[in-house]
Amino acid sequence: MEQEIYSIMPWFIPLILIVAIWDSVWKLIAMWKAGRNNHLAWFICIFIFNTLGILPIIYILINKEKPVSAA
């Protein structure tokens, strides 16, 4: 039975690893930015909820810095 599961889905473990790395990278970037901007509520929400990188990406897009224009 166990061998049947592994032979049916050989792509499952690599997929899980890719998704975990994807989520971790976005989560770390967003948590770092939230910490530097003193956004405690965002920091806690990003830390607690696993949304496959969706919540961290939303935070990063909402709170992106405006470029400084060289005048």
PDB file of N, CA and C in Angstrom:
ATOM      1  N   MET A   1       0.830  -1.203   0.000  1.00  0.00           N
ATOM      2  CA  MET A   1       0.000   0.000   0.000  1.00  0.00           C
ATOM      3  C   MET A   1       0.864   1.253   0.000  1.00  0.00           C
ATOM      4  N   GLU A   2       1.895   1.276   0.829  1.00  0.00           N
ATOM      5  CA  GLU A   2       2.746   2.457   0.923  1.00  0.00           C
ATOM      6  C   GLU A   2       3.517   2.688  -0.375  1.00  0.00           C
ATOM      7  N   GLN A   3       3.963   1.622  -1.001  1.00  0.00           N
ATOM      8  CA  GLN A   3       4.697   1.755  -2.252  1.00  0.00           C
ATOM      9  C   GLN A   3       3.789   2.239  -3.373  1.00  0.00           C
ATOM     10  N   GLU A   4       2.524   1.871  -3.318  1.00  0.00           N
ATOM     11  CA  GLU A   4       1.580   2.330  -4.327  1.00  0.00           C
ATOM     12  C   GLU A   4       1.406   3.844  -4.273  1.00  0.00           C
ATOM     13  N   ILE A   5       1.361   4.395  -3.091  1.00  0.00           N
ATOM     14  CA  ILE A   5       1.191   5.843  -2.933  1.00  0.00           C
ATOM     15  C   ILE A   5       2.389   6.575  -3.521  1.00  0.00           C
ATOM     16  N   TYR A   6       3.595   6.094  -3.224  1.00  0.00           N
ATOM     17  CA  TYR A   6       4.799   6.749  -3.736  1.00  0.00           C
ATOM     18  C   TYR A   6       4.949   6.572  -5.246  1.00  0.00           C
ATOM     19  N   SER A   7       4.486   5.481  -5.787  1.00  0.00           N
ATOM     20  CA  SER A   7       4.605   5.288  -7.229  1.00  0.00           C
ATOM     21  C   SER A   7       3.558   6.094  -7.998  1.00  0.00           C
ATOM     22  N   ILE A   8       2.421   6.367  -7.385  1.00  0.00           N
ATOM     23  CA  ILE A   8       1.372   7.142  -8.050  1.00  0.00           C
ATOM     24  C   ILE A   8       1.730   8.624  -8.101  1.00  0.00           C
ATOM     25  N   MET A   9       2.315   9.147  -7.010  1.00  0.00           N
ATOM     26  CA  MET A   9       2.589  10.581  -6.928  1.00  0.00           C
ATOM     27  C   MET A   9       4.075  10.861  -6.680  1.00  0.00           C
ATOM     28  N   PRO A  10       4.945  10.659  -7.661  1.00  0.00           N
ATOM     29  CA  PRO A  10       6.361  10.947  -7.440  1.00  0.00           C
ATOM     30  C   PRO A  10       6.656  12.444  -7.408  1.00  0.00           C
ATOM     31  N   TRP A  11       5.730  13.262  -7.842  1.00  0.00           N
ATOM     32  CA  TRP A  11       5.894  14.709  -7.880  1.00  0.00           C
ATOM     33  C   TRP A  11       5.442  15.386  -6.605  1.00  0.00           C
ATOM     34  N   PHE A  12       4.819  14.651  -5.688  1.00  0.00           N
ATOM     35  CA  PHE A  12       4.192  15.250  -4.506  1.00  0.00           C
ATOM     36  C   PHE A  12       5.210  15.855  -3.534  1.00  0.00           C
ATOM     37  N   ILE A  13       6.255  15.126  -3.207  1.00  0.00           N
ATOM     38  CA  ILE A  13       7.248  15.620  -2.248  1.00  0.00           C
ATOM     39  C   ILE A  13       7.997  16.828  -2.814  1.00  0.00           C
ATOM     40  N   PRO A  14       8.472  16.798  -4.061  1.00  0.00           N
ATOM     41  CA  PRO A  14       9.107  18.012  -4.602  1.00  0.00           C
ATOM     42  C   PRO A  14       8.154  19.211  -4.645  1.00  0.00           C
ATOM     43  N   LEU A  15       6.884  18.977  -4.929  1.00  0.00           N
ATOM     44  CA  LEU A  15       5.906  20.059  -4.950  1.00  0.00           C
ATOM     45  C   LEU A  15       5.760  20.682  -3.564  1.00  0.00           C
ATOM     46  N   ILE A  16       5.674  19.856  -2.549  1.00  0.00           N
ATOM     47  CA  ILE A  16       5.564  20.349  -1.176  1.00  0.00           C
ATOM     48  C   ILE A  16       6.805  21.155  -0.802  1.00  0.00           C
ATOM     49  N   LEU A  17       7.974  20.690  -1.189  1.00  0.00           N
ATOM     50  CA  LEU A  17       9.213  21.416  -0.896  1.00  0.00           C
ATOM     51  C   LEU A  17       9.256  22.769  -1.607  1.00  0.00           C
ATOM     52  N   ILE A  18       8.852  22.801  -2.854  1.00  0.00           N
ATOM     53  CA  ILE A  18       8.835  24.060  -3.605  1.00  0.00           C
ATOM     54  C   ILE A  18       7.855  25.047  -2.976  1.00  0.00           C
ATOM     55  N   VAL A  19       6.676  24.583  -2.598  1.00  0.00           N
ATOM     56  CA  VAL A  19       5.671  25.456  -1.971  1.00  0.00           C
ATOM     57  C   VAL A  19       6.176  25.953  -0.618  1.00  0.00           C
ATOM     58  N   ALA A  20       6.827  25.098   0.143  1.00  0.00           N
ATOM     59  CA  ALA A  20       7.346  25.505   1.454  1.00  0.00           C
ATOM     60  C   ALA A  20       8.445  26.557   1.305  1.00  0.00           C
ATOM     61  N   ILE A  21       9.318  26.388   0.337  1.00  0.00           N
ATOM     62  CA  ILE A  21      10.375  27.374   0.102  1.00  0.00           C
ATOM     63  C   ILE A  21       9.772  28.691  -0.372  1.00  0.00           C
ATOM     64  N   TRP A  22       8.819  28.621  -1.296  1.00  0.00           N
ATOM     65  CA  TRP A  22       8.125  29.811  -1.806  1.00  0.00           C
ATOM     66  C   TRP A  22       7.496  30.595  -0.647  1.00  0.00           C
ATOM     67  N   ASP A  23       6.747  29.915   0.199  1.00  0.00           N
ATOM     68  CA  ASP A  23       6.073  30.570   1.320  1.00  0.00           C
ATOM     69  C   ASP A  23       7.086  31.143   2.301  1.00  0.00           C
ATOM     70  N   SER A  24       8.142  30.416   2.584  1.00  0.00           N
ATOM     71  CA  SER A  24       9.139  30.875   3.548  1.00  0.00           C
ATOM     72  C   SER A  24       9.855  32.131   3.075  1.00  0.00           C
ATOM     73  N   VAL A  25      10.211  32.180   1.817  1.00  0.00           N
ATOM     74  CA  VAL A  25      10.916  33.352   1.289  1.00  0.00           C
ATOM     75  C   VAL A  25      10.032  34.595   1.380  1.00  0.00           C
ATOM     76  N   TRP A  26       8.810  34.499   0.908  1.00  0.00           N
ATOM     77  CA  TRP A  26       7.913  35.654   0.960  1.00  0.00           C
ATOM     78  C   TRP A  26       7.599  36.046   2.394  1.00  0.00           C
ATOM     79  N   LYS A  27       7.406  35.048   3.256  1.00  0.00           N
ATOM     80  CA  LYS A  27       7.101  35.324   4.658  1.00  0.00           C
ATOM     81  C   LYS A  27       8.261  36.055   5.325  1.00  0.00           C
ATOM     82  N   LEU A  28       9.488  35.610   5.095  1.00  0.00           N
ATOM     83  CA  LEU A  28      10.643  36.257   5.703  1.00  0.00           C
ATOM     84  C   LEU A  28      10.819  37.694   5.217  1.00  0.00           C
ATOM     85  N   ILE A  29      10.644  37.917   3.927  1.00  0.00           N
ATOM     86  CA  ILE A  29      10.771  39.279   3.387  1.00  0.00           C
ATOM     87  C   ILE A  29       9.709  40.193   3.996  1.00  0.00           C
ATOM     88  N   ALA A  30       8.460  39.738   4.031  1.00  0.00           N
ATOM     89  CA  ALA A  30       7.368  40.564   4.552  1.00  0.00           C
ATOM     90  C   ALA A  30       7.508  40.798   6.053  1.00  0.00           C
ATOM     91  N   MET A  31       7.924  39.777   6.786  1.00  0.00           N
ATOM     92  CA  MET A  31       8.107  39.951   8.230  1.00  0.00           C
ATOM     93  C   MET A  31       9.246  40.925   8.523  1.00  0.00           C
ATOM     94  N   TRP A  32      10.298  40.875   7.739  1.00  0.00           N
ATOM     95  CA  TRP A  32      11.411  41.796   7.915  1.00  0.00           C
ATOM     96  C   TRP A  32      10.952  43.238   7.660  1.00  0.00           C
ATOM     97  N   LYS A  33      10.193  43.435   6.581  1.00  0.00           N
ATOM     98  CA  LYS A  33       9.700  44.782   6.269  1.00  0.00           C
ATOM     99  C   LYS A  33       8.705  45.262   7.321  1.00  0.00           C
ATOM    100  N   ALA A  34       7.819  44.381   7.787  1.00  0.00           N
ATOM    101  CA  ALA A  34       6.846  44.762   8.808  1.00  0.00           C
ATOM    102  C   ALA A  34       7.548  45.122  10.116  1.00  0.00           C
ATOM    103  N   GLY A  35       8.585  44.390  10.453  1.00  0.00           N
ATOM    104  CA  GLY A  35       9.341  44.700  11.659  1.00  0.00           C
ATOM    105  C   GLY A  35      10.049  46.040  11.558  1.00  0.00           C
ATOM    106  N   ARG A  36      10.636  46.318  10.412  1.00  0.00           N
ATOM    107  CA  ARG A  36      11.345  47.593  10.220  1.00  0.00           C
ATOM    108  C   ARG A  36      10.380  48.777  10.184  1.00  0.00           C
ATOM    109  N   ASN A  37       9.144  48.539   9.738  1.00  0.00           N
ATOM    110  CA  ASN A  37       8.152  49.616   9.675  1.00  0.00           C
ATOM    111  C   ASN A  37       7.294  49.703  10.934  1.00  0.00           C
ATOM    112  N   ASN A  38       7.596  48.898  11.945  1.00  0.00           N
ATOM    113  CA  ASN A  38       6.846  48.869  13.211  1.00  0.00           C
ATOM    114  C   ASN A  38       5.361  48.575  13.001  1.00  0.00           C
ATOM    115  N   HIS A  39       5.053  47.648  12.103  1.00  0.00           N
ATOM    116  CA  HIS A  39       3.679  47.203  11.863  1.00  0.00           C
ATOM    117  C   HIS A  39       3.468  45.871  12.595  1.00  0.00           C
ATOM    118  N   LEU A  40       3.199  45.965  13.890  1.00  0.00           N
ATOM    119  CA  LEU A  40       3.088  44.776  14.724  1.00  0.00           C
ATOM    120  C   LEU A  40       1.939  43.865  14.296  1.00  0.00           C
ATOM    121  N   ALA A  41       0.791  44.441  13.956  1.00  0.00           N
ATOM    122  CA  ALA A  41      -0.365  43.626  13.560  1.00  0.00           C
ATOM    123  C   ALA A  41      -0.051  42.825  12.291  1.00  0.00           C
ATOM    124  N   TRP A  42       0.556  43.466  11.309  1.00  0.00           N
ATOM    125  CA  TRP A  42       0.936  42.759  10.085  1.00  0.00           C
ATOM    126  C   TRP A  42       1.951  41.670  10.396  1.00  0.00           C
ATOM    127  N   PHE A  43       2.940  41.989  11.236  1.00  0.00           N
ATOM    128  CA  PHE A  43       3.976  41.023  11.589  1.00  0.00           C
ATOM    129  C   PHE A  43       3.356  39.767  12.198  1.00  0.00           C
ATOM    130  N   ILE A  44       2.440  39.954  13.132  1.00  0.00           N
ATOM    131  CA  ILE A  44       1.799  38.820  13.806  1.00  0.00           C
ATOM    132  C   ILE A  44       0.940  38.019  12.824  1.00  0.00           C
ATOM    133  N   CYS A  45       0.169  38.698  11.982  1.00  0.00           N
ATOM    134  CA  CYS A  45      -0.680  37.992  11.016  1.00  0.00           C
ATOM    135  C   CYS A  45       0.145  37.191  10.015  1.00  0.00           C
ATOM    136  N   ILE A  46       1.221  37.778   9.529  1.00  0.00           N
ATOM    137  CA  ILE A  46       2.078  37.063   8.582  1.00  0.00           C
ATOM    138  C   ILE A  46       2.726  35.868   9.253  1.00  0.00           C
ATOM    139  N   PHE A  47       3.106  36.021  10.521  1.00  0.00           N
ATOM    140  CA  PHE A  47       3.735  34.926  11.264  1.00  0.00           C
ATOM    141  C   PHE A  47       2.762  33.768  11.503  1.00  0.00           C
ATOM    142  N   ILE A  48       1.528  34.077  11.834  1.00  0.00           N
ATOM    143  CA  ILE A  48       0.561  33.042  12.230  1.00  0.00           C
ATOM    144  C   ILE A  48      -0.059  32.326  11.031  1.00  0.00           C
ATOM    145  N   PHE A  49      -0.498  33.082  10.025  1.00  0.00           N
ATOM    146  CA  PHE A  49      -1.266  32.497   8.936  1.00  0.00           C
ATOM    147  C   PHE A  49      -0.367  32.031   7.792  1.00  0.00           C
ATOM    148  N   ASN A  50      -0.570  30.794   7.354  1.00  0.00           N
ATOM    149  CA  ASN A  50       0.134  30.253   6.196  1.00  0.00           C
ATOM    150  C   ASN A  50      -0.792  30.362   4.992  1.00  0.00           C
ATOM    151  N   THR A  51      -0.481  31.297   4.113  1.00  0.00           N
ATOM    152  CA  THR A  51      -1.345  31.555   2.963  1.00  0.00           C
ATOM    153  C   THR A  51      -0.616  31.336   1.640  1.00  0.00           C
ATOM    154  N   LEU A  52       0.422  30.515   1.657  1.00  0.00           N
ATOM    155  CA  LEU A  52       1.218  30.215   0.467  1.00  0.00           C
ATOM    156  C   LEU A  52       1.812  31.470  -0.166  1.00  0.00           C
ATOM    157  N   GLY A  53       2.139  32.441   0.667  1.00  0.00           N
ATOM    158  CA  GLY A  53       2.787  33.645   0.183  1.00  0.00           C
ATOM    159  C   GLY A  53       1.841  34.741  -0.231  1.00  0.00           C
ATOM    160  N   ILE A  54       0.551  34.525  -0.175  1.00  0.00           N
ATOM    161  CA  ILE A  54      -0.407  35.528  -0.634  1.00  0.00           C
ATOM    162  C   ILE A  54      -0.444  36.727   0.309  1.00  0.00           C
ATOM    163  N   LEU A  55      -0.582  36.504   1.613  1.00  0.00           N
ATOM    164  CA  LEU A  55      -0.627  37.597   2.580  1.00  0.00           C
ATOM    165  C   LEU A  55       0.685  38.391   2.594  1.00  0.00           C
ATOM    166  N   PRO A  56       1.852  37.741   2.596  1.00  0.00           N
ATOM    167  CA  PRO A  56       3.086  38.536   2.529  1.00  0.00           C
ATOM    168  C   PRO A  56       3.206  39.364   1.249  1.00  0.00           C
ATOM    169  N   ILE A  57       2.789  38.815   0.121  1.00  0.00           N
ATOM    170  CA  ILE A  57       2.850  39.566  -1.136  1.00  0.00           C
ATOM    171  C   ILE A  57       1.914  40.771  -1.076  1.00  0.00           C
ATOM    172  N   ILE A  58       0.721  40.607  -0.501  1.00  0.00           N
ATOM    173  CA  ILE A  58      -0.209  41.726  -0.351  1.00  0.00           C
ATOM    174  C   ILE A  58       0.407  42.807   0.521  1.00  0.00           C
ATOM    175  N   TYR A  59       1.032  42.411   1.638  1.00  0.00           N
ATOM    176  CA  TYR A  59       1.669  43.391   2.515  1.00  0.00           C
ATOM    177  C   TYR A  59       2.769  44.149   1.774  1.00  0.00           C
ATOM    178  N   ILE A  60       3.606  43.434   1.063  1.00  0.00           N
ATOM    179  CA  ILE A  60       4.713  44.067   0.346  1.00  0.00           C
ATOM    180  C   ILE A  60       4.182  45.045  -0.713  1.00  0.00           C
ATOM    181  N   LEU A  61       3.122  44.666  -1.428  1.00  0.00           N
ATOM    182  CA  LEU A  61       2.562  45.552  -2.447  1.00  0.00           C
ATOM    183  C   LEU A  61       1.901  46.788  -1.838  1.00  0.00           C
ATOM    184  N   ILE A  62       1.232  46.619  -0.709  1.00  0.00           N
ATOM    185  CA  ILE A  62       0.560  47.745  -0.066  1.00  0.00           C
ATOM    186  C   ILE A  62       1.575  48.716   0.520  1.00  0.00           C
ATOM    187  N   ASN A  63       2.649  48.205   1.082  1.00  0.00           N
ATOM    188  CA  ASN A  63       3.608  49.033   1.803  1.00  0.00           C
ATOM    189  C   ASN A  63       4.933  49.212   1.089  1.00  0.00           C
ATOM    190  N   LYS A  64       4.914  49.213  -0.220  1.00  0.00           N
ATOM    191  CA  LYS A  64       6.177  49.420  -0.923  1.00  0.00           C
ATOM    192  C   LYS A  64       6.579  50.887  -0.844  1.00  0.00           C
ATOM    193  N   GLU A  65       7.893  51.068  -0.765  1.00  0.00           N
ATOM    194  CA  GLU A  65       8.412  52.426  -0.630  1.00  0.00           C
ATOM    195  C   GLU A  65       8.343  53.155  -1.967  1.00  0.00           C
ATOM    196  N   LYS A  66       8.101  54.435  -1.873  1.00  0.00           N
ATOM    197  CA  LYS A  66       8.082  55.255  -3.083  1.00  0.00           C
ATOM    198  C   LYS A  66       9.533  55.612  -3.429  1.00  0.00           C
ATOM    199  N   PRO A  67       9.888  55.526  -4.691  1.00  0.00           N
ATOM    200  CA  PRO A  67      11.267  55.849  -5.066  1.00  0.00           C
ATOM    201  C   PRO A  67      11.574  57.327  -4.841  1.00  0.00           C
ATOM    202  N   VAL A  68      12.777  57.585  -4.381  1.00  0.00           N
ATOM    203  CA  VAL A  68      13.219  58.956  -4.159  1.00  0.00           C
ATOM    204  C   VAL A  68      13.704  59.519  -5.482  1.00  0.00           C
ATOM    205  N   SER A  69      13.114  60.632  -5.884  1.00  0.00           N
ATOM    206  CA  SER A  69      13.497  61.222  -7.169  1.00  0.00           C
ATOM    207  C   SER A  69      14.708  62.129  -6.975  1.00  0.00           C
ATOM    208  N   ALA A  70      15.643  61.992  -7.874  1.00  0.00           N
ATOM    209  CA  ALA A  70      16.845  62.834  -7.830  1.00  0.00           C
ATOM    210  C   ALA A  70      16.568  64.113  -8.612  1.00  0.00           C
ATOM    211  N   ALA A  71      16.349  65.192  -7.879  1.00  0.00           N
ATOM    212  CA  ALA A  71      16.004  66.454  -8.557  1.00  0.00           C
ATOM    213  C   ALA A  71      17.156  67.412  -8.549  1.00  0.00           C
TER     214      ALA A  71
END
